[in-house]
Every structure is written in C-alpha cells, then in structure tokens.
C-alpha cells in the first residue's frame, strides 16, 4: 500500500493519535469520508456532462 509497511502505518497512526486525540478521530474519519463521497460525486457529474448522449449520436 503506497510502499508503506505495517511499521510505518503503525507509526503514522500513533502520531495521529498524539496530535488529535482519541476523542476526535471518529469525527475526523466521518468528515474525511464525506469529503471523499462529495469528490466522487463531483467527478461523476463532470464526466456525465462531458460525454455526449448515445441517443443523440445515433440520430445524427
């Protein structure tokens, strides 16, 4: 996973716990998840706008 081993991921997790505390981690995870969801939604909408409809292609 991105060239990181288990030890590196564990160290990153410990640093995040120290910086933010255990109480704020669920809140951070929720906000990160909703941000990713909104980003994917925006990308999908942009792709739909860029691609022409197939029905229009057949009529032309």
C-alpha atoms as a PDB file:
ATOM      1  CA  UNK A   1       0.000   0.000   0.000  1.00  0.00           C
ATOM      2  CA  UNK A   2       1.847   3.068  -1.313  1.00  0.00           C
ATOM      3  CA  UNK A   3       5.158   1.425  -0.454  1.00  0.00           C
ATOM      4  CA  UNK A   4       4.423   1.616   3.278  1.00  0.00           C
ATOM      5  CA  UNK A   5       4.862  -1.356   5.540  1.00  0.00           C
ATOM      6  CA  UNK A   6       2.993  -2.211   8.700  1.00  0.00           C
ATOM      7  CA  UNK A   7       5.564  -0.497  10.894  1.00  0.00           C
ATOM      8  CA  UNK A   8       5.284   2.795   9.028  1.00  0.00           C
ATOM      9  CA  UNK A   9       1.491   2.705   9.156  1.00  0.00           C
ATOM     10  CA  UNK A  10       1.599   1.991  12.891  1.00  0.00           C
ATOM     11  CA  UNK A  11       3.930   4.939  13.471  1.00  0.00           C
ATOM     12  CA  UNK A  12       1.648   7.223  11.457  1.00  0.00           C
ATOM     13  CA  UNK A  13      -1.373   6.036  13.457  1.00  0.00           C
ATOM     14  CA  UNK A  14       0.415   6.735  16.752  1.00  0.00           C
ATOM     15  CA  UNK A  15       1.383  10.233  15.580  1.00  0.00           C
ATOM     16  CA  UNK A  16      -2.216  10.957  14.549  1.00  0.00           C
ATOM     17  CA  UNK A  17      -3.444   9.733  17.945  1.00  0.00           C
ATOM     18  CA  UNK A  18      -0.993  12.010  19.716  1.00  0.00           C
ATOM     19  CA  UNK A  19      -1.856  15.043  17.580  1.00  0.00           C
ATOM     20  CA  UNK A  20      -5.639  14.792  17.551  1.00  0.00           C
ATOM     21  CA  UNK A  21      -6.516  12.565  20.485  1.00  0.00           C
ATOM     22  CA  UNK A  22      -8.759   9.524  20.533  1.00  0.00           C
ATOM     23  CA  UNK A  23     -11.954  11.556  21.000  1.00  0.00           C
ATOM     24  CA  UNK A  24     -11.620  13.455  17.713  1.00  0.00           C
ATOM     25  CA  UNK A  25     -10.641  10.516  15.485  1.00  0.00           C
ATOM     26  CA  UNK A  26     -14.217   9.359  14.696  1.00  0.00           C
ATOM     27  CA  UNK A  27     -15.167  12.927  13.805  1.00  0.00           C
ATOM     28  CA  UNK A  28     -12.133  13.252  11.518  1.00  0.00           C
ATOM     29  CA  UNK A  29     -12.899   9.918   9.844  1.00  0.00           C
ATOM     30  CA  UNK A  30     -16.512  10.942   9.231  1.00  0.00           C
ATOM     31  CA  UNK A  31     -15.518  14.259   7.698  1.00  0.00           C
ATOM     32  CA  UNK A  32     -12.881  12.581   5.534  1.00  0.00           C
ATOM     33  CA  UNK A  33     -15.418  10.011   4.327  1.00  0.00           C
ATOM     34  CA  UNK A  34     -17.980  12.661   3.443  1.00  0.00           C
ATOM     35  CA  UNK A  35     -15.316  14.680   1.624  1.00  0.00           C
ATOM     36  CA  UNK A  36     -14.329  11.677  -0.478  1.00  0.00           C
ATOM     37  CA  UNK A  37     -18.001  10.968  -1.213  1.00  0.00           C
ATOM     38  CA  UNK A  38     -18.607  14.549  -2.381  1.00  0.00           C
ATOM     39  CA  UNK A  39     -15.438  14.474  -4.505  1.00  0.00           C
ATOM     40  CA  UNK A  40     -16.518  11.266  -6.251  1.00  0.00           C
ATOM     41  CA  UNK A  41     -19.992  12.723  -6.810  1.00  0.00           C
ATOM     42  CA  UNK A  42     -18.480  15.821  -8.412  1.00  0.00           C
ATOM     43  CA  UNK A  43     -16.192  13.775 -10.654  1.00  0.00           C
ATOM     44  CA  UNK A  44     -19.097  11.595 -11.806  1.00  0.00           C
ATOM     45  CA  UNK A  45     -21.228  14.652 -12.586  1.00  0.00           C
ATOM     46  CA  UNK A  46     -18.395  16.234 -14.564  1.00  0.00           C
ATOM     47  CA  UNK A  47     -17.921  13.036 -16.577  1.00  0.00           C
ATOM     48  CA  UNK A  48     -21.642  12.882 -17.358  1.00  0.00           C
ATOM     49  CA  UNK A  49     -21.583  16.469 -18.646  1.00  0.00           C
ATOM     50  CA  UNK A  50     -18.530  15.850 -20.848  1.00  0.00           C
ATOM     51  CA  UNK A  51     -19.754  12.704 -22.578  1.00  0.00           C
ATOM     52  CA  UNK A  52     -22.391  13.065 -25.311  1.00  0.00           C
ATOM     53  CA  UNK A  53     -25.556  11.002 -25.055  1.00  0.00           C
ATOM     54  CA  UNK A  54     -25.657   7.902 -27.236  1.00  0.00           C
ATOM     55  CA  UNK A  55     -29.209   8.578 -28.437  1.00  0.00           C
ATOM     56  CA  UNK A  56     -28.080  11.878 -29.936  1.00  0.00           C
ATOM     57  CA  UNK A  57     -25.175  10.181 -31.726  1.00  0.00           C
ATOM     58  CA  UNK A  58     -27.467   7.654 -33.416  1.00  0.00           C
ATOM     59  CA  UNK A  59     -29.855  10.337 -34.720  1.00  0.00           C
ATOM     60  CA  UNK A  60     -27.073  12.407 -36.324  1.00  0.00           C
END
